[in-house]
C-alpha cells in the first residue's frame, strides 16, 4: 500500500501485472477502461519493471499497510 502522503508516483498511471511465462519470457499485462493488452517488447517490460521497483520503494511494509487500512476503515464507521 502506498500512502496518499507520497503524492504522485508511477502506480497512478494504471493497473499492470508483471509475469514470467513458462518459457521464461517476461511480459506485462496492462489494463485500462477499454481493454487489456500484453506487452512483450523487452524495453517496455524493463520500463514497467522499473516503475514497479519505484512503487515498491514508496510502499509501506505489510504491518504498516494493515494499520493504515484499519485506521481508514475506522473513520468510515463514524
PDB file of N, CA and C in Angstrom:
ATOM      1  N   UNK A   1       0.846  -1.167   0.000  1.00  0.00           N
ATOM      2  CA  UNK A   1       0.000   0.000   0.000  1.00  0.00           C
ATOM      3  C   UNK A   1       0.892   1.230   0.000  1.00  0.00           C
ATOM      4  N   UNK A   2       0.570   2.147  -0.890  1.00  0.00           N
ATOM      5  CA  UNK A   2       1.302   3.409  -0.960  1.00  0.00           C
ATOM      6  C   UNK A   2       0.418   4.487  -0.340  1.00  0.00           C
ATOM      7  N   UNK A   3       0.883   5.135   0.728  1.00  0.00           N
ATOM      8  CA  UNK A   3       0.052   6.144   1.380  1.00  0.00           C
ATOM      9  C   UNK A   3      -0.119   7.390   0.516  1.00  0.00           C
ATOM     10  N   UNK A   4      -1.225   8.072   0.688  1.00  0.00           N
ATOM     11  CA  UNK A   4      -1.523   9.280  -0.077  1.00  0.00           C
ATOM     12  C   UNK A   4      -0.482  10.371   0.148  1.00  0.00           C
ATOM     13  N   UNK A   5       0.159  10.346   1.293  1.00  0.00           N
ATOM     14  CA  UNK A   5       1.156  11.371   1.602  1.00  0.00           C
ATOM     15  C   UNK A   5       2.355  11.331   0.653  1.00  0.00           C
ATOM     16  N   UNK A   6       2.516  10.234  -0.080  1.00  0.00           N
ATOM     17  CA  UNK A   6       3.613  10.116  -1.047  1.00  0.00           C
ATOM     18  C   UNK A   6       3.394  11.070  -2.217  1.00  0.00           C
ATOM     19  N   UNK A   7       2.139  11.320  -2.541  1.00  0.00           N
ATOM     20  CA  UNK A   7       1.837  12.155  -3.703  1.00  0.00           C
ATOM     21  C   UNK A   7       1.853  11.321  -4.971  1.00  0.00           C
ATOM     22  N   UNK A   8       2.137  11.957  -6.091  1.00  0.00           N
ATOM     23  CA  UNK A   8       2.150  11.248  -7.375  1.00  0.00           C
ATOM     24  C   UNK A   8       3.315  10.256  -7.416  1.00  0.00           C
ATOM     25  N   UNK A   9       3.042   9.081  -7.923  1.00  0.00           N
ATOM     26  CA  UNK A   9       4.061   8.043  -8.067  1.00  0.00           C
ATOM     27  C   UNK A   9       3.666   7.200  -9.276  1.00  0.00           C
ATOM     28  N   UNK A  10       4.572   6.371  -9.808  1.00  0.00           N
ATOM     29  CA  UNK A  10       4.282   5.640 -11.051  1.00  0.00           C
ATOM     30  C   UNK A  10       3.035   4.761 -11.014  1.00  0.00           C
ATOM     31  N   UNK A  11       2.610   4.333  -9.862  1.00  0.00           N
ATOM     32  CA  UNK A  11       1.459   3.446  -9.758  1.00  0.00           C
ATOM     33  C   UNK A  11       0.134   4.086 -10.141  1.00  0.00           C
ATOM     34  N   UNK A  12       0.068   5.403 -10.155  1.00  0.00           N
ATOM     35  CA  UNK A  12      -1.191   6.052 -10.506  1.00  0.00           C
ATOM     36  C   UNK A  12      -1.430   6.059 -12.014  1.00  0.00           C
ATOM     37  N   UNK A  13      -0.469   5.574 -12.775  1.00  0.00           N
ATOM     38  CA  UNK A  13      -0.611   5.544 -14.234  1.00  0.00           C
ATOM     39  C   UNK A  13      -1.555   4.445 -14.702  1.00  0.00           C
ATOM     40  N   UNK A  14      -1.875   3.487 -13.842  1.00  0.00           N
ATOM     41  CA  UNK A  14      -2.806   2.429 -14.215  1.00  0.00           C
ATOM     42  C   UNK A  14      -2.342   1.064 -13.742  1.00  0.00           C
ATOM     43  N   UNK A  15      -3.272   0.131 -13.811  1.00  0.00           N
ATOM     44  CA  UNK A  15      -3.008  -1.223 -13.336  1.00  0.00           C
ATOM     45  C   UNK A  15      -2.125  -1.988 -14.318  1.00  0.00           C
ATOM     46  N   UNK A  16      -1.273  -2.848 -13.768  1.00  0.00           N
ATOM     47  CA  UNK A  16      -0.446  -3.706 -14.606  1.00  0.00           C
ATOM     48  C   UNK A  16      -0.055  -4.954 -13.830  1.00  0.00           C
ATOM     49  N   UNK A  17       0.320  -5.967 -14.558  1.00  0.00           N
ATOM     50  CA  UNK A  17       0.813  -7.215 -13.972  1.00  0.00           C
ATOM     51  C   UNK A  17       2.105  -7.573 -14.690  1.00  0.00           C
ATOM     52  N   UNK A  18       3.150  -7.815 -13.930  1.00  0.00           N
ATOM     53  CA  UNK A  18       4.397  -8.343 -14.482  1.00  0.00           C
ATOM     54  C   UNK A  18       4.336  -9.855 -14.330  1.00  0.00           C
ATOM     55  N   UNK A  19       4.668 -10.579 -15.381  1.00  0.00           N
ATOM     56  CA  UNK A  19       4.590 -12.039 -15.314  1.00  0.00           C
ATOM     57  C   UNK A  19       5.750 -12.664 -16.084  1.00  0.00           C
ATOM     58  N   UNK A  20       6.157 -13.829 -15.618  1.00  0.00           N
ATOM     59  CA  UNK A  20       7.143 -14.625 -16.343  1.00  0.00           C
ATOM     60  C   UNK A  20       6.415 -15.856 -16.873  1.00  0.00           C
ATOM     61  N   UNK A  21       6.409 -16.017 -18.175  1.00  0.00           N
ATOM     62  CA  UNK A  21       5.741 -17.143 -18.821  1.00  0.00           C
ATOM     63  C   UNK A  21       6.536 -18.433 -18.600  1.00  0.00           C
ATOM     64  N   UNK A  22       5.905 -19.588 -18.799  1.00  0.00           N
ATOM     65  CA  UNK A  22       6.618 -20.866 -18.647  1.00  0.00           C
ATOM     66  C   UNK A  22       7.878 -20.957 -19.523  1.00  0.00           C
ATOM     67  N   UNK A  23       7.899 -20.195 -20.601  1.00  0.00           N
ATOM     68  CA  UNK A  23       9.070 -20.183 -21.483  1.00  0.00           C
ATOM     69  C   UNK A  23      10.223 -19.376 -20.897  1.00  0.00           C
ATOM     70  N   UNK A  24       9.954 -18.638 -19.806  1.00  0.00           N
ATOM     71  CA  UNK A  24      10.954 -17.787 -19.189  1.00  0.00           C
ATOM     72  C   UNK A  24      10.882 -16.344 -19.656  1.00  0.00           C
ATOM     73  N   UNK A  25      10.023 -16.074 -20.633  1.00  0.00           N
ATOM     74  CA  UNK A  25       9.875 -14.721 -21.165  1.00  0.00           C
ATOM     75  C   UNK A  25       9.079 -13.858 -20.185  1.00  0.00           C
ATOM     76  N   UNK A  26       9.565 -12.648 -19.936  1.00  0.00           N
ATOM     77  CA  UNK A  26       8.841 -11.697 -19.100  1.00  0.00           C
ATOM     78  C   UNK A  26       7.902 -10.877 -19.974  1.00  0.00           C
ATOM     79  N   UNK A  27       6.679 -10.674 -19.492  1.00  0.00           N
ATOM     80  CA  UNK A  27       5.681  -9.875 -20.189  1.00  0.00           C
ATOM     81  C   UNK A  27       4.976  -8.974 -19.179  1.00  0.00           C
ATOM     82  N   UNK A  28       4.267  -8.003 -19.704  1.00  0.00           N
ATOM     83  CA  UNK A  28       3.462  -7.100 -18.887  1.00  0.00           C
ATOM     84  C   UNK A  28       2.044  -7.137 -19.411  1.00  0.00           C
ATOM     85  N   UNK A  29       1.091  -7.215 -18.511  1.00  0.00           N
ATOM     86  CA  UNK A  29      -0.317  -7.077 -18.871  1.00  0.00           C
ATOM     87  C   UNK A  29      -0.761  -5.716 -18.369  1.00  0.00           C
ATOM     88  N   UNK A  30      -1.222  -4.869 -19.281  1.00  0.00           N
ATOM     89  CA  UNK A  30      -1.734  -3.549 -18.943  1.00  0.00           C
ATOM     90  C   UNK A  30      -3.247  -3.562 -19.080  1.00  0.00           C
ATOM     91  N   UNK A  31      -3.920  -2.897 -18.164  1.00  0.00           N
ATOM     92  CA  UNK A  31      -5.374  -2.893 -18.169  1.00  0.00           C
ATOM     93  C   UNK A  31      -5.869  -1.467 -18.007  1.00  0.00           C
ATOM     94  N   UNK A  32      -6.851  -1.097 -18.815  1.00  0.00           N
ATOM     95  CA  UNK A  32      -7.495   0.197 -18.654  1.00  0.00           C
ATOM     96  C   UNK A  32      -9.001   0.030 -18.844  1.00  0.00           C
ATOM     97  N   UNK A  33      -9.732   1.121 -18.946  1.00  0.00           N
ATOM     98  CA  UNK A  33     -11.186   1.057 -19.032  1.00  0.00           C
ATOM     99  C   UNK A  33     -11.683   0.415 -20.314  1.00  0.00           C
ATOM    100  N   UNK A  34     -10.895   0.453 -21.378  1.00  0.00           N
ATOM    101  CA  UNK A  34     -11.358  -0.050 -22.664  1.00  0.00           C
ATOM    102  C   UNK A  34     -10.896  -1.466 -22.975  1.00  0.00           C
ATOM    103  N   UNK A  35      -9.679  -1.793 -22.586  1.00  0.00           N
ATOM    104  CA  UNK A  35      -9.147  -3.105 -22.951  1.00  0.00           C
ATOM    105  C   UNK A  35      -7.895  -3.423 -22.152  1.00  0.00           C
ATOM    106  N   UNK A  36      -7.477  -4.658 -22.272  1.00  0.00           N
ATOM    107  CA  UNK A  36      -6.213  -5.085 -21.707  1.00  0.00           C
ATOM    108  C   UNK A  36      -5.280  -5.465 -22.847  1.00  0.00           C
ATOM    109  N   UNK A  37      -3.988  -5.403 -22.574  1.00  0.00           N
ATOM    110  CA  UNK A  37      -3.046  -5.792 -23.613  1.00  0.00           C
ATOM    111  C   UNK A  37      -1.800  -6.408 -22.993  1.00  0.00           C
ATOM    112  N   UNK A  38      -1.206  -7.329 -23.705  1.00  0.00           N
ATOM    113  CA  UNK A  38       0.026  -7.967 -23.270  1.00  0.00           C
ATOM    114  C   UNK A  38       1.176  -7.331 -24.038  1.00  0.00           C
ATOM    115  N   UNK A  39       2.186  -6.910 -23.299  1.00  0.00           N
ATOM    116  CA  UNK A  39       3.364  -6.278 -23.867  1.00  0.00           C
ATOM    117  C   UNK A  39       4.546  -7.226 -23.671  1.00  0.00           C
ATOM    118  N   UNK A  40       5.251  -7.515 -24.755  1.00  0.00           N
ATOM    119  CA  UNK A  40       6.420  -8.387 -24.623  1.00  0.00           C
ATOM    120  C   UNK A  40       7.701  -7.751 -25.151  1.00  0.00           C
ATOM    121  N   UNK A  41       7.611  -6.500 -25.592  1.00  0.00           N
ATOM    122  CA  UNK A  41       8.795  -5.785 -26.068  1.00  0.00           C
ATOM    123  C   UNK A  41       9.720  -5.551 -24.877  1.00  0.00           C
ATOM    124  N   UNK A  42      10.946  -6.025 -24.969  1.00  0.00           N
ATOM    125  CA  UNK A  42      11.882  -6.032 -23.843  1.00  0.00           C
ATOM    126  C   UNK A  42      12.041  -4.668 -23.185  1.00  0.00           C
ATOM    127  N   UNK A  43      12.214  -3.625 -23.980  1.00  0.00           N
ATOM    128  CA  UNK A  43      12.432  -2.294 -23.405  1.00  0.00           C
ATOM    129  C   UNK A  43      11.206  -1.812 -22.630  1.00  0.00           C
ATOM    130  N   UNK A  44      10.023  -2.130 -23.143  1.00  0.00           N
ATOM    131  CA  UNK A  44       8.792  -1.737 -22.447  1.00  0.00           C
ATOM    132  C   UNK A  44       8.632  -2.511 -21.141  1.00  0.00           C
ATOM    133  N   UNK A  45       8.949  -3.799 -21.185  1.00  0.00           N
ATOM    134  CA  UNK A  45       8.866  -4.622 -19.971  1.00  0.00           C
ATOM    135  C   UNK A  45       9.837  -4.081 -18.920  1.00  0.00           C
ATOM    136  N   UNK A  46      11.036  -3.733 -19.332  1.00  0.00           N
ATOM    137  CA  UNK A  46      12.017  -3.181 -18.395  1.00  0.00           C
ATOM    138  C   UNK A  46      11.557  -1.843 -17.816  1.00  0.00           C
ATOM    139  N   UNK A  47      10.889  -1.027 -18.615  1.00  0.00           N
ATOM    140  CA  UNK A  47      10.371   0.251 -18.123  1.00  0.00           C
ATOM    141  C   UNK A  47       9.301   0.040 -17.061  1.00  0.00           C
ATOM    142  N   UNK A  48       8.414  -0.926 -17.295  1.00  0.00           N
ATOM    143  CA  UNK A  48       7.372  -1.211 -16.304  1.00  0.00           C
ATOM    144  C   UNK A  48       7.992  -1.824 -15.057  1.00  0.00           C
ATOM    145  N   UNK A  49       8.989  -2.689 -15.219  1.00  0.00           N
ATOM    146  CA  UNK A  49       9.674  -3.264 -14.056  1.00  0.00           C
ATOM    147  C   UNK A  49      10.310  -2.148 -13.217  1.00  0.00           C
ATOM    148  N   UNK A  50      10.886  -1.154 -13.872  1.00  0.00           N
ATOM    149  CA  UNK A  50      11.474  -0.018 -13.160  1.00  0.00           C
ATOM    150  C   UNK A  50      10.389   0.745 -12.382  1.00  0.00           C
ATOM    151  N   UNK A  51       9.223   0.899 -12.997  1.00  0.00           N
ATOM    152  CA  UNK A  51       8.102   1.542 -12.299  1.00  0.00           C
ATOM    153  C   UNK A  51       7.705   0.735 -11.072  1.00  0.00           C
ATOM    154  N   UNK A  52       7.650  -0.582 -11.222  1.00  0.00           N
ATOM    155  CA  UNK A  52       7.289  -1.449 -10.095  1.00  0.00           C
ATOM    156  C   UNK A  52       8.277  -1.277  -8.946  1.00  0.00           C
ATOM    157  N   UNK A  53       9.561  -1.227  -9.279  1.00  0.00           N
ATOM    158  CA  UNK A  53      10.574  -1.068  -8.239  1.00  0.00           C
ATOM    159  C   UNK A  53      10.422   0.272  -7.531  1.00  0.00           C
ATOM    160  N   UNK A  54      10.043   1.299  -8.270  1.00  0.00           N
ATOM    161  CA  UNK A  54       9.792   2.603  -7.670  1.00  0.00           C
ATOM    162  C   UNK A  54       8.586   2.542  -6.730  1.00  0.00           C
ATOM    163  N   UNK A  55       7.534   1.855  -7.170  1.00  0.00           N
ATOM    164  CA  UNK A  55       6.337   1.696  -6.329  1.00  0.00           C
ATOM    165  C   UNK A  55       6.691   0.940  -5.053  1.00  0.00           C
ATOM    166  N   UNK A  56       7.450  -0.130  -5.189  1.00  0.00           N
ATOM    167  CA  UNK A  56       7.876  -0.891  -4.005  1.00  0.00           C
ATOM    168  C   UNK A  56       8.633  -0.008  -3.017  1.00  0.00           C
ATOM    169  N   UNK A  57       9.431   0.912  -3.553  1.00  0.00           N
ATOM    170  CA  UNK A  57      10.196   1.807  -2.698  1.00  0.00           C
ATOM    171  C   UNK A  57       9.317   2.775  -1.915  1.00  0.00           C
ATOM    172  N   UNK A  58       8.155   3.095  -2.427  1.00  0.00           N
ATOM    173  CA  UNK A  58       7.231   4.016  -1.762  1.00  0.00           C
ATOM    174  C   UNK A  58       6.231   3.293  -0.847  1.00  0.00           C
ATOM    175  N   UNK A  59       6.035   2.016  -1.088  1.00  0.00           N
ATOM    176  CA  UNK A  59       5.007   1.258  -0.360  1.00  0.00           C
ATOM    177  C   UNK A  59       5.388   1.047   1.104  1.00  0.00           C
ATOM    178  N   UNK A  60       4.367   1.007   1.924  1.00  0.00           N
ATOM    179  CA  UNK A  60       4.560   0.707   3.341  1.00  0.00           C
ATOM    180  C   UNK A  60       4.828  -0.786   3.520  1.00  0.00           C
ATOM    181  N   UNK A  61       5.536  -1.153   4.580  1.00  0.00           N
ATOM    182  CA  UNK A  61       5.674  -2.580   4.908  1.00  0.00           C
ATOM    183  C   UNK A  61       4.294  -3.164   5.238  1.00  0.00           C
ATOM    184  N   UNK A  62       4.136  -4.478   5.139  1.00  0.00           N
ATOM    185  CA  UNK A  62       2.824  -5.101   5.355  1.00  0.00           C
ATOM    186  C   UNK A  62       2.132  -4.702   6.660  1.00  0.00           C
ATOM    187  N   UNK A  63       2.843  -4.694   7.770  1.00  0.00           N
ATOM    188  CA  UNK A  63       2.208  -4.353   9.061  1.00  0.00           C
ATOM    189  C   UNK A  63       1.687  -2.919   9.046  1.00  0.00           C
ATOM    190  N   UNK A  64       2.477  -1.995   8.540  1.00  0.00           N
ATOM    191  CA  UNK A  64       2.036  -0.600   8.481  1.00  0.00           C
ATOM    192  C   UNK A  64       0.864  -0.433   7.514  1.00  0.00           C
ATOM    193  N   UNK A  65       0.850  -1.210   6.430  1.00  0.00           N
ATOM    194  CA  UNK A  65      -0.278  -1.165   5.499  1.00  0.00           C
ATOM    195  C   UNK A  65      -1.561  -1.581   6.200  1.00  0.00           C
ATOM    196  N   UNK A  66      -1.496  -2.664   6.952  1.00  0.00           N
ATOM    197  CA  UNK A  66      -2.683  -3.148   7.680  1.00  0.00           C
ATOM    198  C   UNK A  66      -3.143  -2.125   8.712  1.00  0.00           C
ATOM    199  N   UNK A  67      -2.202  -1.499   9.396  1.00  0.00           N
ATOM    200  CA  UNK A  67      -2.557  -0.488  10.396  1.00  0.00           C
ATOM    201  C   UNK A  67      -3.232   0.717   9.730  1.00  0.00           C
ATOM    202  N   UNK A  68      -2.715   1.139   8.589  1.00  0.00           N
ATOM    203  CA  UNK A  68      -3.315   2.268   7.887  1.00  0.00           C
ATOM    204  C   UNK A  68      -4.711   1.915   7.377  1.00  0.00           C
ATOM    205  N   UNK A  69      -4.876   0.717   6.846  1.00  0.00           N
ATOM    206  CA  UNK A  69      -6.201   0.272   6.396  1.00  0.00           C
ATOM    207  C   UNK A  69      -7.191   0.266   7.551  1.00  0.00           C
ATOM    208  N   UNK A  70      -6.777  -0.245   8.703  1.00  0.00           N
ATOM    209  CA  UNK A  70      -7.650  -0.276   9.867  1.00  0.00           C
ATOM    210  C   UNK A  70      -8.008   1.140  10.326  1.00  0.00           C
ATOM    211  N   UNK A  71      -7.042   2.024  10.283  1.00  0.00           N
ATOM    212  CA  UNK A  71      -7.272   3.426  10.679  1.00  0.00           C
ATOM    213  C   UNK A  71      -8.288   4.089   9.737  1.00  0.00           C
ATOM    214  N   UNK A  72      -8.121   3.901   8.468  1.00  0.00           N
ATOM    215  CA  UNK A  72      -9.049   4.498   7.492  1.00  0.00           C
ATOM    216  C   UNK A  72     -10.436   3.869   7.631  1.00  0.00           C
ATOM    217  N   UNK A  73     -10.489   2.559   7.787  1.00  0.00           N
ATOM    218  CA  UNK A  73     -11.783   1.875   7.932  1.00  0.00           C
ATOM    219  C   UNK A  73     -12.517   2.406   9.166  1.00  0.00           C
ATOM    220  N   UNK A  74     -11.808   2.706  10.212  1.00  0.00           N
ATOM    221  CA  UNK A  74     -12.437   3.226  11.431  1.00  0.00           C
ATOM    222  C   UNK A  74     -13.068   4.584  11.168  1.00  0.00           C
ATOM    223  N   UNK A  75     -12.473   5.389  10.320  1.00  0.00           N
ATOM    224  CA  UNK A  75     -13.063   6.711  10.030  1.00  0.00           C
ATOM    225  C   UNK A  75     -14.362   6.565   9.249  1.00  0.00           C
ATOM    226  N   UNK A  76     -14.516   5.483   8.526  1.00  0.00           N
ATOM    227  CA  UNK A  76     -15.751   5.257   7.762  1.00  0.00           C
ATOM    228  C   UNK A  76     -16.917   4.853   8.651  1.00  0.00           C
ATOM    229  N   UNK A  77     -16.620   4.357   9.825  1.00  0.00           N
ATOM    230  CA  UNK A  77     -17.673   3.898  10.736  1.00  0.00           C
ATOM    231  C   UNK A  77     -18.350   5.047  11.444  1.00  0.00           C
ATOM    232  N   UNK A  78     -17.705   6.181  11.489  1.00  0.00           N
ATOM    233  CA  UNK A  78     -18.277   7.314  12.242  1.00  0.00           C
ATOM    234  C   UNK A  78     -18.986   8.270  11.313  1.00  0.00           C
TER     235      UNK A  78
END
